PDB file of N, CA and C in Angstrom:
ATOM      1  N   UNK A   1      -4.886 -30.802  12.153  1.00  0.00           N
ATOM      2  CA  UNK A   1      -4.656 -29.226  13.143  1.00  0.00           C
ATOM      3  C   UNK A   1      -4.796 -29.645  14.612  1.00  0.00           C
ATOM      4  N   UNK A   2      -4.265 -29.117  15.471  1.00  0.00           N
ATOM      5  CA  UNK A   2      -3.690 -29.337  16.643  1.00  0.00           C
ATOM      6  C   UNK A   2      -4.793 -29.071  18.042  1.00  0.00           C
ATOM      7  N   UNK A   3      -5.621 -27.983  17.205  1.00  0.00           N
ATOM      8  CA  UNK A   3      -6.872 -27.553  18.475  1.00  0.00           C
ATOM      9  C   UNK A   3      -7.832 -27.925  18.015  1.00  0.00           C
ATOM     10  N   UNK A   4      -8.960 -28.164  18.356  1.00  0.00           N
ATOM     11  CA  UNK A   4     -10.209 -28.927  17.959  1.00  0.00           C
ATOM     12  C   UNK A   4     -11.263 -27.337  17.976  1.00  0.00           C
ATOM     13  N   UNK A   5     -11.712 -27.046  16.937  1.00  0.00           N
ATOM     14  CA  UNK A   5     -12.436 -25.902  16.890  1.00  0.00           C
ATOM     15  C   UNK A   5     -14.240 -26.682  17.071  1.00  0.00           C
ATOM     16  N   UNK A   6     -14.988 -25.591  18.207  1.00  0.00           N
ATOM     17  CA  UNK A   6     -16.450 -25.544  18.442  1.00  0.00           C
ATOM     18  C   UNK A   6     -17.026 -25.741  16.751  1.00  0.00           C
ATOM     19  N   UNK A   7     -18.290 -25.873  16.582  1.00  0.00           N
ATOM     20  CA  UNK A   7     -19.166 -25.827  15.773  1.00  0.00           C
ATOM     21  C   UNK A   7     -19.593 -24.534  15.617  1.00  0.00           C
ATOM     22  N   UNK A   8     -19.486 -23.535  16.607  1.00  0.00           N
ATOM     23  CA  UNK A   8     -19.644 -21.636  16.552  1.00  0.00           C
ATOM     24  C   UNK A   8     -18.322 -21.192  16.343  1.00  0.00           C
ATOM     25  N   UNK A   9     -17.384 -21.711  16.694  1.00  0.00           N
ATOM     26  CA  UNK A   9     -16.376 -20.840  16.300  1.00  0.00           C
ATOM     27  C   UNK A   9     -16.090 -21.464  14.711  1.00  0.00           C
ATOM     28  N   UNK A  10     -16.112 -22.374  14.366  1.00  0.00           N
ATOM     29  CA  UNK A  10     -15.903 -22.728  12.547  1.00  0.00           C
ATOM     30  C   UNK A  10     -16.712 -22.400  11.604  1.00  0.00           C
ATOM     31  N   UNK A  11     -18.346 -22.064  12.353  1.00  0.00           N
ATOM     32  CA  UNK A  11     -19.484 -20.943  11.582  1.00  0.00           C
ATOM     33  C   UNK A  11     -18.493 -19.578  11.518  1.00  0.00           C
ATOM     34  N   UNK A  12     -18.340 -19.070  12.796  1.00  0.00           N
ATOM     35  CA  UNK A  12     -17.760 -17.428  12.600  1.00  0.00           C
ATOM     36  C   UNK A  12     -16.518 -17.482  11.804  1.00  0.00           C
ATOM     37  N   UNK A  13     -15.089 -18.454  11.485  1.00  0.00           N
ATOM     38  CA  UNK A  13     -14.179 -18.469  10.796  1.00  0.00           C
ATOM     39  C   UNK A  13     -14.497 -18.594   9.597  1.00  0.00           C
ATOM     40  N   UNK A  14     -15.305 -19.561   9.286  1.00  0.00           N
ATOM     41  CA  UNK A  14     -16.163 -20.041   7.854  1.00  0.00           C
ATOM     42  C   UNK A  14     -16.821 -18.415   7.023  1.00  0.00           C
ATOM     43  N   UNK A  15     -17.509 -17.763   8.041  1.00  0.00           N
ATOM     44  CA  UNK A  15     -18.140 -16.225   7.996  1.00  0.00           C
ATOM     45  C   UNK A  15     -16.675 -14.953   7.632  1.00  0.00           C
ATOM     46  N   UNK A  16     -15.745 -15.410   8.272  1.00  0.00           N
ATOM     47  CA  UNK A  16     -14.988 -14.336   8.145  1.00  0.00           C
ATOM     48  C   UNK A  16     -14.495 -14.594   6.918  1.00  0.00           C
ATOM     49  N   UNK A  17     -14.183 -16.066   6.253  1.00  0.00           N
ATOM     50  CA  UNK A  17     -13.284 -16.084   5.556  1.00  0.00           C
ATOM     51  C   UNK A  17     -14.331 -15.760   4.281  1.00  0.00           C
ATOM     52  N   UNK A  18     -15.101 -16.049   4.009  1.00  0.00           N
ATOM     53  CA  UNK A  18     -16.291 -15.579   3.693  1.00  0.00           C
ATOM     54  C   UNK A  18     -16.690 -13.820   2.935  1.00  0.00           C
ATOM     55  N   UNK A  19     -16.508 -13.293   4.248  1.00  0.00           N
ATOM     56  CA  UNK A  19     -16.520 -11.681   4.067  1.00  0.00           C
ATOM     57  C   UNK A  19     -14.871 -11.323   3.416  1.00  0.00           C
ATOM     58  N   UNK A  20     -14.160 -12.031   3.581  1.00  0.00           N
ATOM     59  CA  UNK A  20     -13.069 -11.802   3.490  1.00  0.00           C
ATOM     60  C   UNK A  20     -12.776 -12.062   1.788  1.00  0.00           C
ATOM     61  N   UNK A  21     -13.212 -12.855   1.155  1.00  0.00           N
ATOM     62  CA  UNK A  21     -13.365 -13.272  -0.015  1.00  0.00           C
ATOM     63  C   UNK A  21     -13.850 -12.414  -1.177  1.00  0.00           C
ATOM     64  N   UNK A  22     -15.307 -12.112  -0.650  1.00  0.00           N
ATOM     65  CA  UNK A  22     -15.999 -10.769  -0.636  1.00  0.00           C
ATOM     66  C   UNK A  22     -15.704  -9.505  -1.140  1.00  0.00           C
ATOM     67  N   UNK A  23     -14.778  -9.337  -0.091  1.00  0.00           N
ATOM     68  CA  UNK A  23     -13.789  -8.144  -0.215  1.00  0.00           C
ATOM     69  C   UNK A  23     -13.088  -8.125  -0.910  1.00  0.00           C
ATOM     70  N   UNK A  24     -11.649  -9.663  -0.952  1.00  0.00           N
ATOM     71  CA  UNK A  24     -11.275  -9.419  -2.399  1.00  0.00           C
ATOM     72  C   UNK A  24     -11.753  -9.376  -3.498  1.00  0.00           C
ATOM     73  N   UNK A  25     -12.459  -9.754  -3.947  1.00  0.00           N
ATOM     74  CA  UNK A  25     -13.680  -9.751  -5.534  1.00  0.00           C
ATOM     75  C   UNK A  25     -14.211  -8.189  -5.515  1.00  0.00           C
ATOM     76  N   UNK A  26     -14.932  -7.941  -4.543  1.00  0.00           N
ATOM     77  CA  UNK A  26     -15.491  -6.282  -4.584  1.00  0.00           C
ATOM     78  C   UNK A  26     -14.631  -5.058  -4.801  1.00  0.00           C
ATOM     79  N   UNK A  27     -13.394  -5.246  -4.175  1.00  0.00           N
ATOM     80  CA  UNK A  27     -12.725  -4.128  -3.640  1.00  0.00           C
ATOM     81  C   UNK A  27     -11.242  -4.216  -3.665  1.00  0.00           C
ATOM     82  N   UNK A  28     -10.660  -5.251  -3.607  1.00  0.00           N
ATOM     83  CA  UNK A  28      -9.227  -5.560  -3.725  1.00  0.00           C
ATOM     84  C   UNK A  28      -9.252  -5.825  -5.858  1.00  0.00           C
ATOM     85  N   UNK A  29      -9.531  -6.399  -6.347  1.00  0.00           N
ATOM     86  CA  UNK A  29      -9.798  -7.041  -7.571  1.00  0.00           C
ATOM     87  C   UNK A  29     -11.249  -6.952  -8.365  1.00  0.00           C
ATOM     88  N   UNK A  30     -11.759  -5.942  -8.521  1.00  0.00           N
ATOM     89  CA  UNK A  30     -13.016  -5.745  -9.360  1.00  0.00           C
ATOM     90  C   UNK A  30     -12.573  -5.575 -10.381  1.00  0.00           C
ATOM     91  N   UNK A  31     -11.372  -5.356 -11.192  1.00  0.00           N
ATOM     92  CA  UNK A  31     -11.024  -5.429 -12.319  1.00  0.00           C
ATOM     93  C   UNK A  31     -11.080  -6.981 -12.769  1.00  0.00           C
ATOM     94  N   UNK A  32     -11.247  -8.175 -11.887  1.00  0.00           N
ATOM     95  CA  UNK A  32     -11.181  -9.047 -12.768  1.00  0.00           C
ATOM     96  C   UNK A  32     -12.652  -9.754 -12.621  1.00  0.00           C
ATOM     97  N   UNK A  33     -12.810  -9.669 -14.019  1.00  0.00           N
ATOM     98  CA  UNK A  33     -14.536 -10.361 -14.766  1.00  0.00           C
ATOM     99  C   UNK A  33     -14.728 -11.070 -14.555  1.00  0.00           C
ATOM    100  N   UNK A  34     -15.967 -11.304 -14.132  1.00  0.00           N
ATOM    101  CA  UNK A  34     -16.930 -12.243 -13.901  1.00  0.00           C
ATOM    102  C   UNK A  34     -16.906 -13.781 -14.866  1.00  0.00           C
ATOM    103  N   UNK A  35     -16.861 -13.389 -16.025  1.00  0.00           N
ATOM    104  CA  UNK A  35     -16.573 -14.369 -16.874  1.00  0.00           C
ATOM    105  C   UNK A  35     -15.201 -14.861 -16.844  1.00  0.00           C
ATOM    106  N   UNK A  36     -13.980 -14.143 -16.410  1.00  0.00           N
ATOM    107  CA  UNK A  36     -12.635 -14.826 -16.496  1.00  0.00           C
ATOM    108  C   UNK A  36     -12.855 -15.920 -14.933  1.00  0.00           C
ATOM    109  N   UNK A  37     -13.586 -15.152 -14.058  1.00  0.00           N
ATOM    110  CA  UNK A  37     -13.493 -16.081 -13.073  1.00  0.00           C
ATOM    111  C   UNK A  37     -14.306 -17.985 -13.275  1.00  0.00           C
ATOM    112  N   UNK A  38     -15.648 -17.474 -13.644  1.00  0.00           N
ATOM    113  CA  UNK A  38     -16.338 -18.521 -14.695  1.00  0.00           C
ATOM    114  C   UNK A  38     -15.520 -19.464 -15.412  1.00  0.00           C
ATOM    115  N   UNK A  39     -14.874 -18.438 -16.296  1.00  0.00           N
ATOM    116  CA  UNK A  39     -14.187 -19.643 -17.010  1.00  0.00           C
ATOM    117  C   UNK A  39     -12.839 -20.323 -16.521  1.00  0.00           C
ATOM    118  N   UNK A  40     -12.339 -19.631 -15.760  1.00  0.00           N
ATOM    119  CA  UNK A  40     -11.105 -20.659 -14.941  1.00  0.00           C
ATOM    120  C   UNK A  40     -11.378 -21.414 -13.407  1.00  0.00           C
ATOM    121  N   UNK A  41     -12.364 -20.229 -13.011  1.00  0.00           N
ATOM    122  CA  UNK A  41     -12.509 -21.283 -11.421  1.00  0.00           C
ATOM    123  C   UNK A  41     -14.655 -22.319 -11.512  1.00  0.00           C
ATOM    124  N   UNK A  42     -14.726 -21.628 -12.379  1.00  0.00           N
ATOM    125  CA  UNK A  42     -16.181 -22.839 -12.585  1.00  0.00           C
ATOM    126  C   UNK A  42     -17.146 -21.495 -11.401  1.00  0.00           C
ATOM    127  N   UNK A  43     -16.550 -20.534 -10.922  1.00  0.00           N
ATOM    128  CA  UNK A  43     -17.699 -19.498 -10.517  1.00  0.00           C
ATOM    129  C   UNK A  43     -17.078 -18.216 -10.586  1.00  0.00           C
ATOM    130  N   UNK A  44     -18.052 -17.585  -9.391  1.00  0.00           N
ATOM    131  CA  UNK A  44     -17.841 -15.872 -10.093  1.00  0.00           C
ATOM    132  C   UNK A  44     -18.948 -15.460  -8.681  1.00  0.00           C
ATOM    133  N   UNK A  45     -18.687 -13.809  -8.974  1.00  0.00           N
ATOM    134  CA  UNK A  45     -19.808 -13.164  -7.779  1.00  0.00           C
ATOM    135  C   UNK A  45     -20.795 -13.517  -8.206  1.00  0.00           C
ATOM    136  N   UNK A  46     -21.336 -13.825  -9.315  1.00  0.00           N
ATOM    137  CA  UNK A  46     -22.704 -13.887  -9.209  1.00  0.00           C
ATOM    138  C   UNK A  46     -23.233 -14.956  -8.522  1.00  0.00           C
ATOM    139  N   UNK A  47     -21.996 -16.028  -8.733  1.00  0.00           N
ATOM    140  CA  UNK A  47     -22.945 -17.580  -8.084  1.00  0.00           C
ATOM    141  C   UNK A  47     -22.699 -17.530  -6.750  1.00  0.00           C
ATOM    142  N   UNK A  48     -21.988 -16.589  -6.076  1.00  0.00           N
ATOM    143  CA  UNK A  48     -22.037 -16.393  -4.826  1.00  0.00           C
ATOM    144  C   UNK A  48     -22.900 -15.569  -3.986  1.00  0.00           C
ATOM    145  N   UNK A  49     -23.476 -14.729  -5.070  1.00  0.00           N
ATOM    146  CA  UNK A  49     -24.411 -13.912  -4.628  1.00  0.00           C
ATOM    147  C   UNK A  49     -26.207 -14.921  -4.952  1.00  0.00           C
ATOM    148  N   UNK A  50     -26.022 -16.039  -5.539  1.00  0.00           N
ATOM    149  CA  UNK A  50     -26.838 -16.965  -5.522  1.00  0.00           C
ATOM    150  C   UNK A  50     -27.125 -17.762  -4.603  1.00  0.00           C
ATOM    151  N   UNK A  51     -25.893 -18.290  -4.065  1.00  0.00           N
ATOM    152  CA  UNK A  51     -25.384 -19.158  -2.893  1.00  0.00           C
ATOM    153  C   UNK A  51     -26.052 -18.019  -1.700  1.00  0.00           C
ATOM    154  N   UNK A  52     -26.092 -17.596  -1.879  1.00  0.00           N
ATOM    155  CA  UNK A  52     -26.102 -16.630  -0.206  1.00  0.00           C
ATOM    156  C   UNK A  52     -28.178 -16.239  -0.436  1.00  0.00           C
ATOM    157  N   UNK A  53     -28.468 -16.205  -1.988  1.00  0.00           N
ATOM    158  CA  UNK A  53     -30.308 -16.115  -1.679  1.00  0.00           C
ATOM    159  C   UNK A  53     -30.526 -17.763  -1.214  1.00  0.00           C
ATOM    160  N   UNK A  54     -30.035 -18.673  -1.987  1.00  0.00           N
ATOM    161  CA  UNK A  54     -30.618 -19.767  -1.952  1.00  0.00           C
ATOM    162  C   UNK A  54     -30.418 -20.232  -0.169  1.00  0.00           C
ATOM    163  N   UNK A  55     -29.240 -19.709   0.452  1.00  0.00           N
ATOM    164  CA  UNK A  55     -29.232 -20.342   1.793  1.00  0.00           C
ATOM    165  C   UNK A  55     -30.355 -19.195   2.740  1.00  0.00           C
ATOM    166  N   UNK A  56     -30.293 -18.210   2.379  1.00  0.00           N
ATOM    167  CA  UNK A  56     -31.556 -17.284   2.835  1.00  0.00           C
ATOM    168  C   UNK A  56     -32.997 -18.310   2.555  1.00  0.00           C
ATOM    169  N   UNK A  57     -33.087 -18.564   1.614  1.00  0.00           N
ATOM    170  CA  UNK A  57     -34.550 -19.083   1.032  1.00  0.00           C
ATOM    171  C   UNK A  57     -34.424 -20.427   1.944  1.00  0.00           C
ATOM    172  N   UNK A  58     -33.608 -21.244   1.977  1.00  0.00           N
ATOM    173  CA  UNK A  58     -33.015 -22.149   2.923  1.00  0.00           C
ATOM    174  C   UNK A  58     -33.896 -22.541   4.105  1.00  0.00           C
ATOM    175  N   UNK A  59     -33.824 -21.142   4.654  1.00  0.00           N
ATOM    176  CA  UNK A  59     -34.046 -20.699   6.214  1.00  0.00           C
ATOM    177  C   UNK A  59     -35.286 -19.985   6.011  1.00  0.00           C
ATOM    178  N   UNK A  60     -35.965 -20.177   4.791  1.00  0.00           N
ATOM    179  CA  UNK A  60     -37.539 -19.327   4.926  1.00  0.00           C
ATOM    180  C   UNK A  60     -37.095 -17.766   4.838  1.00  0.00           C
ATOM    181  N   UNK A  61     -36.298 -17.434   4.694  1.00  0.00           N
ATOM    182  CA  UNK A  61     -35.768 -15.545   4.140  1.00  0.00           C
ATOM    183  C   UNK A  61     -36.341 -15.118   3.134  1.00  0.00           C
ATOM    184  N   UNK A  62     -36.934 -14.636   2.334  1.00  0.00           N
ATOM    185  CA  UNK A  62     -37.492 -14.363   1.079  1.00  0.00           C
ATOM    186  C   UNK A  62     -36.708 -13.695   0.515  1.00  0.00           C
ATOM    187  N   UNK A  63     -36.022 -13.886  -0.572  1.00  0.00           N
ATOM    188  CA  UNK A  63     -34.884 -13.326  -0.935  1.00  0.00           C
ATOM    189  C   UNK A  63     -34.916 -13.761  -2.666  1.00  0.00           C
ATOM    190  N   UNK A  64     -34.851 -12.622  -3.288  1.00  0.00           N
ATOM    191  CA  UNK A  64     -35.281 -12.747  -4.796  1.00  0.00           C
ATOM    192  C   UNK A  64     -34.103 -12.869  -5.568  1.00  0.00           C
ATOM    193  N   UNK A  65     -33.571 -12.984  -6.521  1.00  0.00           N
ATOM    194  CA  UNK A  65     -31.893 -12.725  -7.608  1.00  0.00           C
ATOM    195  C   UNK A  65     -31.290 -11.500  -7.180  1.00  0.00           C
ATOM    196  N   UNK A  66     -32.356 -10.803  -7.657  1.00  0.00           N
ATOM    197  CA  UNK A  66     -31.944  -9.693  -7.354  1.00  0.00           C
ATOM    198  C   UNK A  66     -31.621  -9.329  -6.015  1.00  0.00           C
ATOM    199  N   UNK A  67     -32.223  -9.089  -5.375  1.00  0.00           N
ATOM    200  CA  UNK A  67     -32.273  -9.153  -3.545  1.00  0.00           C
ATOM    201  C   UNK A  67     -30.329  -9.985  -3.145  1.00  0.00           C
ATOM    202  N   UNK A  68     -29.886 -10.876  -3.555  1.00  0.00           N
ATOM    203  CA  UNK A  68     -29.464 -11.551  -3.468  1.00  0.00           C
ATOM    204  C   UNK A  68     -27.732 -10.786  -4.174  1.00  0.00           C
ATOM    205  N   UNK A  69     -27.971 -10.295  -5.517  1.00  0.00           N
ATOM    206  CA  UNK A  69     -27.297  -9.699  -5.936  1.00  0.00           C
ATOM    207  C   UNK A  69     -26.843  -8.551  -4.802  1.00  0.00           C
ATOM    208  N   UNK A  70     -27.431  -7.571  -4.630  1.00  0.00           N
ATOM    209  CA  UNK A  70     -27.281  -6.316  -3.939  1.00  0.00           C
ATOM    210  C   UNK A  70     -27.043  -6.533  -2.583  1.00  0.00           C
ATOM    211  N   UNK A  71     -27.283  -7.538  -2.743  1.00  0.00           N
ATOM    212  CA  UNK A  71     -26.514  -7.895  -1.108  1.00  0.00           C
ATOM    213  C   UNK A  71     -25.121  -8.402  -1.003  1.00  0.00           C
ATOM    214  N   UNK A  72     -24.471  -8.645  -2.036  1.00  0.00           N
ATOM    215  CA  UNK A  72     -23.287  -9.734  -2.272  1.00  0.00           C
ATOM    216  C   UNK A  72     -22.552  -8.198  -2.701  1.00  0.00           C
ATOM    217  N   UNK A  73     -23.442  -7.470  -4.012  1.00  0.00           N
ATOM    218  CA  UNK A  73     -22.659  -6.324  -4.251  1.00  0.00           C
ATOM    219  C   UNK A  73     -22.588  -5.541  -3.605  1.00  0.00           C
ATOM    220  N   UNK A  74     -23.098  -4.950  -2.614  1.00  0.00           N
ATOM    221  CA  UNK A  74     -23.306  -4.004  -1.655  1.00  0.00           C
ATOM    222  C   UNK A  74     -24.158  -2.557  -2.566  1.00  0.00           C
ATOM    223  N   UNK A  75     -24.655  -2.921  -4.100  1.00  0.00           N
ATOM    224  CA  UNK A  75     -25.107  -2.109  -4.565  1.00  0.00           C
ATOM    225  C   UNK A  75     -26.135  -3.012  -5.581  1.00  0.00           C
ATOM    226  N   UNK A  76     -27.049  -2.204  -6.345  1.00  0.00           N
ATOM    227  CA  UNK A  76     -28.011  -2.868  -7.671  1.00  0.00           C
ATOM    228  C   UNK A  76     -26.481  -3.385  -9.043  1.00  0.00           C
ATOM    229  N   UNK A  77     -26.784  -4.907  -9.079  1.00  0.00           N
ATOM    230  CA  UNK A  77     -26.259  -5.443  -9.818  1.00  0.00           C
ATOM    231  C   UNK A  77     -25.617  -4.534 -11.151  1.00  0.00           C
ATOM    232  N   UNK A  78     -26.720  -3.744 -11.712  1.00  0.00           N
ATOM    233  CA  UNK A  78     -26.207  -3.220 -12.901  1.00  0.00           C
ATOM    234  C   UNK A  78     -25.859  -1.773 -12.489  1.00  0.00           C
ATOM    235  N   UNK A  79     -25.600  -1.453 -11.372  1.00  0.00           N
ATOM    236  CA  UNK A  79     -24.384  -0.205 -11.316  1.00  0.00           C
ATOM    237  C   UNK A  79     -23.028  -0.651 -11.424  1.00  0.00           C
ATOM    238  N   UNK A  80     -23.266  -2.041 -10.263  1.00  0.00           N
ATOM    239  CA  UNK A  80     -21.753  -2.299 -10.370  1.00  0.00           C
ATOM    240  C   UNK A  80     -21.384  -3.379 -11.762  1.00  0.00           C
ATOM    241  N   UNK A  81     -21.883  -3.390 -12.551  1.00  0.00           N
ATOM    242  CA  UNK A  81     -21.853  -3.455 -14.150  1.00  0.00           C
ATOM    243  C   UNK A  81     -21.391  -2.720 -14.584  1.00  0.00           C
ATOM    244  N   UNK A  82     -21.762  -1.541 -14.708  1.00  0.00           N
ATOM    245  CA  UNK A  82     -21.677  -0.376 -15.089  1.00  0.00           C
ATOM    246  C   UNK A  82     -20.131   0.149 -14.724  1.00  0.00           C
ATOM    247  N   UNK A  83     -19.934   0.291 -13.443  1.00  0.00           N
ATOM    248  CA  UNK A  83     -18.670   0.643 -13.065  1.00  0.00           C
ATOM    249  C   UNK A  83     -17.570  -0.417 -13.513  1.00  0.00           C
ATOM    250  N   UNK A  84     -17.721  -1.536 -13.414  1.00  0.00           N
ATOM    251  CA  UNK A  84     -16.583  -2.810 -13.536  1.00  0.00           C
ATOM    252  C   UNK A  84     -16.475  -3.753 -14.879  1.00  0.00           C
ATOM    253  N   UNK A  85     -17.851  -3.704 -15.755  1.00  0.00           N
ATOM    254  CA  UNK A  85     -17.586  -4.768 -16.137  1.00  0.00           C
ATOM    255  C   UNK A  85     -17.148  -4.388 -17.587  1.00  0.00           C
ATOM    256  N   UNK A  86     -16.669  -5.279 -18.410  1.00  0.00           N
ATOM    257  CA  UNK A  86     -16.217  -4.599 -19.806  1.00  0.00           C
ATOM    258  C   UNK A  86     -16.804  -5.772 -20.717  1.00  0.00           C
ATOM    259  N   UNK A  87     -16.633  -5.622 -22.217  1.00  0.00           N
ATOM    260  CA  UNK A  87     -17.244  -6.864 -23.472  1.00  0.00           C
ATOM    261  C   UNK A  87     -15.955  -7.239 -23.293  1.00  0.00           C
ATOM    262  N   UNK A  88     -16.775  -8.554 -23.355  1.00  0.00           N
ATOM    263  CA  UNK A  88     -15.981 -10.078 -23.429  1.00  0.00           C
ATOM    264  C   UNK A  88     -16.063 -10.615 -24.809  1.00  0.00           C
ATOM    265  N   UNK A  89     -14.824 -10.662 -25.487  1.00  0.00           N
ATOM    266  CA  UNK A  89     -14.755 -11.501 -26.320  1.00  0.00           C
ATOM    267  C   UNK A  89     -15.338 -12.705 -27.085  1.00  0.00           C
ATOM    268  N   UNK A  90     -15.993 -12.850 -28.168  1.00  0.00           N
ATOM    269  CA  UNK A  90     -16.076 -14.277 -28.669  1.00  0.00           C
ATOM    270  C   UNK A  90     -15.736 -15.235 -27.934  1.00  0.00           C
ATOM    271  N   UNK A  91     -14.225 -15.574 -27.782  1.00  0.00           N
ATOM    272  CA  UNK A  91     -13.556 -16.741 -27.234  1.00  0.00           C
ATOM    273  C   UNK A  91     -14.363 -16.961 -25.527  1.00  0.00           C
ATOM    274  N   UNK A  92     -13.773 -16.058 -24.665  1.00  0.00           N
ATOM    275  CA  UNK A  92     -14.207 -15.626 -23.760  1.00  0.00           C
ATOM    276  C   UNK A  92     -15.811 -16.422 -23.233  1.00  0.00           C
ATOM    277  N   UNK A  93     -16.673 -15.729 -24.359  1.00  0.00           N
ATOM    278  CA  UNK A  93     -18.366 -15.961 -23.938  1.00  0.00           C
ATOM    279  C   UNK A  93     -18.820 -17.565 -24.452  1.00  0.00           C
ATOM    280  N   UNK A  94     -17.646 -17.957 -25.609  1.00  0.00           N
ATOM    281  CA  UNK A  94     -18.238 -19.577 -25.964  1.00  0.00           C
ATOM    282  C   UNK A  94     -17.202 -20.333 -24.521  1.00  0.00           C
ATOM    283  N   UNK A  95     -15.729 -20.121 -23.888  1.00  0.00           N
ATOM    284  CA  UNK A  95     -15.899 -20.942 -23.012  1.00  0.00           C
ATOM    285  C   UNK A  95     -16.645 -20.849 -21.658  1.00  0.00           C
ATOM    286  N   UNK A  96     -17.178 -19.417 -21.709  1.00  0.00           N
ATOM    287  CA  UNK A  96     -18.439 -19.407 -20.895  1.00  0.00           C
ATOM    288  C   UNK A  96     -19.360 -20.470 -20.323  1.00  0.00           C
ATOM    289  N   UNK A  97     -20.139 -20.482 -22.242  1.00  0.00           N
ATOM    290  CA  UNK A  97     -20.830 -21.446 -22.109  1.00  0.00           C
ATOM    291  C   UNK A  97     -20.639 -22.986 -22.058  1.00  0.00           C
ATOM    292  N   UNK A  98     -19.636 -23.151 -21.910  1.00  0.00           N
ATOM    293  CA  UNK A  98     -19.139 -24.325 -21.473  1.00  0.00           C
ATOM    294  C   UNK A  98     -18.836 -24.435 -19.820  1.00  0.00           C
ATOM    295  N   UNK A  99     -18.314 -23.553 -19.676  1.00  0.00           N
ATOM    296  CA  UNK A  99     -18.496 -23.531 -17.805  1.00  0.00           C
ATOM    297  C   UNK A  99     -19.965 -23.544 -17.333  1.00  0.00           C
ATOM    298  N   UNK A 100     -20.292 -22.647 -17.530  1.00  0.00           N
ATOM    299  CA  UNK A 100     -21.799 -22.360 -17.351  1.00  0.00           C
ATOM    300  C   UNK A 100     -22.722 -23.748 -17.242  1.00  0.00           C
ATOM    301  N   UNK A 101     -22.560 -24.153 -18.204  1.00  0.00           N
ATOM    302  CA  UNK A 101     -23.162 -25.694 -18.267  1.00  0.00           C
ATOM    303  C   UNK A 101     -22.849 -26.589 -17.350  1.00  0.00           C
ATOM    304  N   UNK A 102     -21.330 -26.758 -17.101  1.00  0.00           N
ATOM    305  CA  UNK A 102     -20.854 -27.708 -16.137  1.00  0.00           C
ATOM    306  C   UNK A 102     -20.869 -27.505 -14.690  1.00  0.00           C
ATOM    307  N   UNK A 103     -20.853 -26.079 -14.458  1.00  0.00           N
ATOM    308  CA  UNK A 103     -20.670 -25.700 -13.370  1.00  0.00           C
ATOM    309  C   UNK A 103     -22.127 -24.739 -12.377  1.00  0.00           C
ATOM    310  N   UNK A 104     -23.105 -24.341 -13.464  1.00  0.00           N
ATOM    311  CA  UNK A 104     -23.950 -24.002 -12.766  1.00  0.00           C
ATOM    312  C   UNK A 104     -25.158 -25.114 -13.322  1.00  0.00           C
ATOM    313  N   UNK A 105     -25.057 -25.355 -14.245  1.00  0.00           N
ATOM    314  CA  UNK A 105     -26.293 -26.664 -14.952  1.00  0.00           C
ATOM    315  C   UNK A 105     -25.995 -28.163 -14.335  1.00  0.00           C
ATOM    316  N   UNK A 106     -24.562 -27.723 -14.181  1.00  0.00           N
ATOM    317  CA  UNK A 106     -24.146 -29.601 -13.968  1.00  0.00           C
ATOM    318  C   UNK A 106     -24.185 -30.329 -14.919  1.00  0.00           C
ATOM    319  N   UNK A 107     -24.038 -29.912 -16.289  1.00  0.00           N
ATOM    320  CA  UNK A 107     -24.002 -30.616 -17.581  1.00  0.00           C
ATOM    321  C   UNK A 107     -22.465 -30.893 -17.841  1.00  0.00           C
ATOM    322  N   UNK A 108     -21.936 -32.062 -17.648  1.00  0.00           N
ATOM    323  CA  UNK A 108     -20.782 -32.793 -18.078  1.00  0.00           C
ATOM    324  C   UNK A 108     -20.941 -32.835 -19.390  1.00  0.00           C
ATOM    325  N   UNK A 109     -19.723 -32.344 -20.362  1.00  0.00           N
ATOM    326  CA  UNK A 109     -19.529 -32.077 -22.030  1.00  0.00           C
ATOM    327  C   UNK A 109     -19.911 -33.440 -22.043  1.00  0.00           C
TER     328      UNK A 109
END
């Protein structure tokens, strides 16, 4: 990096990158299923909403899982699911079980 970035600017850049990621997942590519994201990348929209909730809770801001999801999805999670989510076949569900254990629960095979 050619220029030193101060802590506040770094925070703002990271926040902007997060907002752009959210826009990409929610507006540009709602067709990409959470199960596919989890199976390929080890995280999905629900992970991002959980990380948001956890960050709020760490700062003393009360936020439930449902609150975090609504903040991330911009609507109640069940509404987003009804609009965008499709059924996953048995192969995707089996791969998800492995990805969830490894990436969310921290259980390596």
